Amino acid sequence: MKILFLGTGSAFCIKNYHSNALILHNDKKLLVDAGSDIRFSLSEQNLSYKDIDGVYISHFHNDHTGGLEYLAFKSFFDAKKKKIKLYIHESFVDILWENSLKASMGMIFDKQHNISDFFEIVPIKKNFIWENICFQLIETLHVTKSNFETPVYGLLINASQKVYITGDTRFLPDFLDKTYELADIIIHDTETGKEKSIIHSHFIDLKKLKPTIKEKMYLWHYQDNVTLSFVSWQKSALNNGFKGFLKKGDTIDL
């Protein structure tokens, strides 16, 4: 199993693309989130919608769902392409369709459509199996203080090594400590702006984590300011005990 990082940037990043990852295993490809620039980040890796077998959505923000329309329409009008499987928490399905996708995808040639016309929906409660690998949903907090209002579901991937992809998350060391400990590798949301937005984990706060946690942690979902001086940011990350900042196109081979 390999994880290819199609992008490593934050929501409004221009140079690094959105933080979307592609899991490759048994000649299959599972996309973890699909931001609005996914067609470009895939193309940069000589890939397209044709190569995607499934997509997992962690939450509703555009840098995680904005590329679903591209995947849906291109597959819909390609007679040779099977429906892409959409792995999504069961509580998200109707919200995603009614509040995000329906406005542009609900009517084609005077015929009404629904989300299942474009994707093979795989509703999830706590975990799902893809290519004999178990993916466990890890709920965390992002925009609001109530996970009931706007939950984010990161992933704990139980492969040859346990990989935890946090998804967008506040700095919650006590809340996430058990998952940190379980994981062999952590891919962590990392804000690098001059001011903290609170809704993401800032690099300044992540430096406070235990050395045993930081030594297995890669950093992504950062602002463009890292791109401008990647060498200095990477040096700072390594000096503070992290595995380092990921760059778009990086691959972790498990």
Protein backbone atom coordinates (compact mmCIF):
# COMPACT_ATOMS: atom_id res chain seq x y z
CA MET A 1 0.00 0.00 0.00
CA LYS A 2 1.15 3.51 -0.85
CA ILE A 3 -0.19 6.96 -0.06
CA LEU A 4 0.37 9.61 -2.72
CA PHE A 5 -0.15 13.18 -1.58
CA LEU A 6 -1.80 14.93 -4.52
CA GLY A 7 -1.76 18.21 -2.63
CA THR A 8 -0.66 19.50 0.75
CA GLY A 9 -2.09 23.01 0.92
CA SER A 10 -4.81 24.72 2.91
CA ALA A 11 -8.23 25.76 1.59
CA PHE A 12 -7.10 28.94 -0.19
CA CYS A 13 -3.66 27.72 -1.20
CA ILE A 14 -2.71 28.26 -4.85
CA LYS A 15 0.65 26.55 -5.28
CA ASN A 16 0.32 23.30 -3.35
CA TYR A 17 -3.22 22.20 -4.24
CA HIS A 18 -5.68 21.04 -1.61
CA SER A 19 -4.70 18.42 0.95
CA ASN A 20 -6.10 15.37 -0.81
CA ALA A 21 -4.40 11.97 -0.76
CA LEU A 22 -4.59 8.93 -3.00
CA ILE A 23 -4.28 5.46 -1.51
CA LEU A 24 -2.92 2.87 -3.93
CA HIS A 25 -3.33 -0.84 -3.22
CA ASN A 26 -3.95 -3.94 -5.36
CA ASP A 27 -4.04 -1.77 -8.51
CA LYS A 28 -6.96 0.17 -7.01
CA LYS A 29 -7.09 3.83 -6.04
CA LEU A 30 -9.03 5.40 -3.18
CA LEU A 31 -9.14 9.18 -3.03
CA VAL A 32 -9.25 10.71 0.44
CA ASP A 33 -11.21 13.95 -0.06
CA ALA A 34 -11.70 15.68 -3.41
CA GLY A 35 -11.07 19.41 -3.36
CA SER A 36 -12.03 21.80 -6.14
CA ASP A 37 -8.58 21.55 -7.76
CA ILE A 38 -8.58 17.74 -7.88
CA ARG A 39 -8.61 17.60 -11.69
CA PHE A 40 -5.35 19.56 -11.72
CA SER A 41 -3.63 17.64 -8.92
CA LEU A 42 -4.59 14.33 -10.53
CA SER A 43 -3.42 15.52 -13.94
CA GLU A 44 -0.05 16.53 -12.49
CA GLN A 45 0.38 12.85 -11.54
CA ASN A 46 -0.78 11.69 -15.02
CA LEU A 47 -4.11 10.55 -13.57
CA SER A 48 -7.78 11.46 -14.07
CA TYR A 49 -11.28 10.48 -12.95
CA LYS A 50 -10.82 7.26 -14.95
CA ASP A 51 -8.27 6.03 -12.43
CA ILE A 52 -10.39 6.59 -9.32
CA ASP A 53 -12.23 3.57 -7.89
CA GLY A 54 -13.48 5.20 -4.70
CA VAL A 55 -13.50 8.47 -2.80
CA TYR A 56 -13.82 9.12 0.93
CA ILE A 57 -15.19 12.47 2.17
CA SER A 58 -14.17 13.67 5.65
CA HIS A 59 -16.38 16.80 5.80
CA PHE A 60 -18.18 19.40 3.70
CA HIS A 61 -15.70 22.20 3.02
CA ASN A 62 -14.91 22.96 -0.62
CA ASP A 63 -11.26 21.92 -0.39
CA HIS A 64 -12.57 18.45 0.51
CA THR A 65 -15.71 18.16 -1.65
CA GLY A 66 -15.40 20.71 -4.46
CA GLY A 67 -14.04 18.15 -6.93
CA LEU A 68 -16.96 15.73 -6.58
CA GLU A 69 -18.83 17.43 -9.42
CA TYR A 70 -15.88 16.81 -11.74
CA LEU A 71 -15.66 13.15 -10.74
CA ALA A 72 -19.43 12.71 -11.02
CA PHE A 73 -20.07 14.36 -14.38
CA LYS A 74 -17.00 12.92 -16.12
CA SER A 75 -17.93 9.41 -14.95
CA PHE A 76 -21.64 9.91 -15.75
CA PHE A 77 -20.97 10.80 -19.38
CA ASP A 78 -18.30 8.13 -19.85
CA ALA A 79 -20.06 4.92 -20.86
CA LYS A 80 -16.96 2.85 -20.09
CA LYS A 81 -16.47 4.19 -16.57
CA LYS A 82 -18.12 2.42 -13.64
CA LYS A 83 -19.62 4.53 -10.90
CA ILE A 84 -17.07 5.66 -8.38
CA LYS A 85 -17.81 4.38 -4.88
CA LEU A 86 -18.48 7.22 -2.45
CA TYR A 87 -17.49 6.26 1.10
CA ILE A 88 -19.21 8.71 3.40
CA HIS A 89 -20.61 8.86 6.93
CA GLU A 90 -24.28 7.92 6.82
CA SER A 91 -25.33 11.28 8.29
CA PHE A 92 -23.53 13.16 5.49
CA VAL A 93 -25.24 11.73 2.41
CA ASP A 94 -28.41 13.83 2.30
CA ILE A 95 -26.64 16.97 3.52
CA LEU A 96 -23.98 16.69 0.82
CA TRP A 97 -26.57 16.25 -1.92
CA GLU A 98 -29.16 18.79 -0.78
CA ASN A 99 -26.74 21.53 0.25
CA SER A 100 -23.82 21.12 -2.12
CA LEU A 101 -24.30 18.95 -5.21
CA LYS A 102 -27.99 19.09 -6.12
CA ALA A 103 -27.96 22.67 -7.43
CA SER A 104 -25.63 21.75 -10.29
CA MET A 105 -26.23 18.02 -10.67
CA GLY A 106 -29.93 17.61 -9.90
CA MET A 107 -31.15 18.19 -13.46
CA ILE A 108 -29.63 16.95 -16.72
CA PHE A 109 -31.45 17.28 -20.06
CA ASP A 110 -34.78 17.96 -18.30
CA LYS A 111 -34.42 14.82 -16.22
CA GLN A 112 -34.09 14.89 -12.44
CA HIS A 113 -31.25 13.00 -10.81
CA ASN A 114 -30.05 12.13 -7.33
CA ILE A 115 -26.67 11.36 -5.83
CA SER A 116 -26.94 7.62 -6.47
CA ASP A 117 -27.15 8.29 -10.22
CA PHE A 118 -23.56 9.48 -10.09
CA PHE A 119 -21.91 7.51 -7.29
CA GLU A 120 -22.24 4.09 -5.70
CA ILE A 121 -22.98 5.22 -2.16
CA VAL A 122 -21.30 3.35 0.68
CA PRO A 123 -22.76 4.81 3.91
CA ILE A 124 -20.52 4.37 6.95
CA LYS A 125 -21.18 4.29 10.68
CA LYS A 126 -17.81 3.65 12.27
CA ASN A 127 -15.55 1.93 9.75
CA PHE A 128 -15.39 0.45 6.27
CA ILE A 129 -13.34 -2.13 4.40
CA TRP A 130 -11.56 -1.25 1.17
CA GLU A 131 -9.37 -3.85 -0.55
CA ASN A 132 -9.23 -5.88 2.69
CA ILE A 133 -7.97 -2.87 4.65
CA CYS A 134 -10.00 -1.54 7.57
CA PHE A 135 -10.55 2.22 7.73
CA GLN A 136 -11.81 3.49 11.08
CA LEU A 137 -13.54 6.88 11.26
CA ILE A 138 -12.10 9.16 13.95
CA GLU A 139 -14.40 12.04 14.83
CA THR A 140 -12.85 15.39 15.68
CA LEU A 141 -13.76 19.08 16.03
CA HIS A 142 -13.09 21.72 13.41
CA VAL A 143 -15.27 24.78 12.81
CA THR A 144 -17.51 24.64 15.88
CA LYS A 145 -17.06 23.41 19.42
CA SER A 146 -19.87 20.91 18.91
CA ASN A 147 -19.09 17.84 16.82
CA PHE A 148 -22.85 17.41 16.44
CA GLU A 149 -23.04 20.55 14.29
CA THR A 150 -20.07 20.17 11.98
CA PRO A 151 -18.22 16.92 12.51
CA VAL A 152 -15.04 15.96 10.72
CA TYR A 153 -14.15 12.30 10.37
CA GLY A 154 -10.47 11.60 10.00
CA LEU A 155 -9.23 8.10 9.21
CA LEU A 156 -7.21 5.51 11.07
CA ILE A 157 -5.98 3.13 8.39
CA ASN A 158 -5.19 -0.33 9.72
CA ALA A 159 -2.70 -1.56 7.14
CA SER A 160 0.78 -3.07 7.67
CA GLN A 161 1.29 0.10 9.69
CA LYS A 162 -1.47 2.15 11.31
CA VAL A 163 -1.78 5.52 9.60
CA TYR A 164 -3.87 8.30 11.12
CA ILE A 165 -5.01 11.09 8.79
CA THR A 166 -6.55 13.68 11.09
CA GLY A 167 -8.60 15.63 8.58
CA ASP A 168 -9.17 19.28 9.50
CA THR A 169 -8.96 19.52 13.28
CA ARG A 170 -8.46 21.93 16.11
CA PHE A 171 -5.51 21.38 18.43
CA LEU A 172 -7.00 18.72 20.71
CA PRO A 173 -4.13 16.72 22.25
CA ASP A 174 -6.22 15.25 25.08
CA PHE A 175 -9.13 14.36 22.81
CA LEU A 176 -6.94 12.72 20.15
CA ASP A 177 -4.20 11.28 22.38
CA LYS A 178 -5.43 7.67 22.22
CA THR A 179 -5.44 7.74 18.43
CA TYR A 180 -2.02 9.41 18.36
CA GLU A 181 -0.69 6.57 20.49
CA LEU A 182 -2.29 3.87 18.34
CA ALA A 183 -0.88 5.22 15.10
CA ASP A 184 2.52 4.38 13.64
CA ILE A 185 2.30 7.33 11.26
CA ILE A 186 0.28 10.54 11.67
CA ILE A 187 -0.66 12.95 8.87
CA HIS A 188 -1.67 16.10 10.71
CA ASP A 189 -3.54 19.28 9.83
CA THR A 190 -1.01 22.10 10.37
CA GLU A 191 -1.67 25.81 10.17
CA THR A 192 1.33 28.08 9.48
CA GLY A 193 -0.21 31.55 9.26
CA LYS A 194 0.99 34.44 11.41
CA GLU A 195 -2.22 34.33 13.41
CA LYS A 196 -4.09 31.26 14.68
CA SER A 197 -7.54 30.69 13.22
CA ILE A 198 -8.37 28.30 16.11
CA ILE A 199 -10.19 25.91 13.76
CA HIS A 200 -6.92 24.28 12.65
CA SER A 201 -3.92 22.97 14.60
CA HIS A 202 -1.19 25.59 14.48
CA PHE A 203 2.46 24.62 14.15
CA ILE A 204 3.23 26.61 17.31
CA ASP A 205 0.86 24.39 19.31
CA LEU A 206 1.86 21.12 17.68
CA LYS A 207 5.42 21.74 18.85
CA LYS A 208 4.13 21.22 22.40
CA LEU A 209 3.18 17.58 21.77
CA LYS A 210 5.14 14.74 23.33
CA PRO A 211 8.35 13.81 21.47
CA THR A 212 7.06 10.25 20.98
CA ILE A 213 4.06 11.65 19.10
CA LYS A 214 5.96 14.22 17.03
CA GLU A 215 8.54 11.68 15.86
CA LYS A 216 5.86 9.86 13.84
CA MET A 217 4.02 12.95 12.58
CA TYR A 218 4.03 14.42 9.06
CA LEU A 219 2.59 17.91 8.58
CA TRP A 220 0.26 19.10 5.79
CA HIS A 221 -2.73 21.37 5.06
CA TYR A 222 -0.47 24.40 5.47
CA GLN A 223 -0.55 27.89 3.97
CA ASP A 224 1.39 29.05 0.92
CA ASN A 225 3.94 30.79 3.14
CA VAL A 226 5.61 27.39 3.60
CA THR A 227 6.06 27.13 -0.16
CA LEU A 228 7.95 30.40 -0.23
CA SER A 229 10.54 29.14 2.26
CA PHE A 230 10.09 25.39 2.40
CA VAL A 231 13.68 24.70 3.39
CA SER A 232 13.43 26.86 6.53
CA TRP A 233 10.02 25.43 7.52
CA GLN A 234 11.27 21.89 6.98
CA LYS A 235 14.37 22.60 9.06
CA SER A 236 12.18 23.95 11.86
CA ALA A 237 9.92 20.90 11.71
CA LEU A 238 12.85 18.47 11.87
CA ASN A 239 14.55 20.44 14.64
CA ASN A 240 11.34 20.22 16.65
CA GLY A 241 11.16 16.45 16.33
CA PHE A 242 8.59 16.03 13.53
CA LYS A 243 9.00 13.78 10.50
CA GLY A 244 8.62 16.93 8.44
CA PHE A 245 6.32 18.83 6.10
CA LEU A 246 4.90 16.91 3.15
CA LYS A 247 5.16 18.29 -0.38
CA LYS A 248 2.67 17.64 -3.16
CA GLY A 249 3.72 14.53 -5.02
CA ASP A 250 5.33 12.93 -1.95
CA THR A 251 4.61 9.24 -1.39
CA ILE A 252 4.65 7.11 1.75
CA ASP A 253 5.26 3.46 0.92
CA LEU A 254 3.95 1.05 3.55
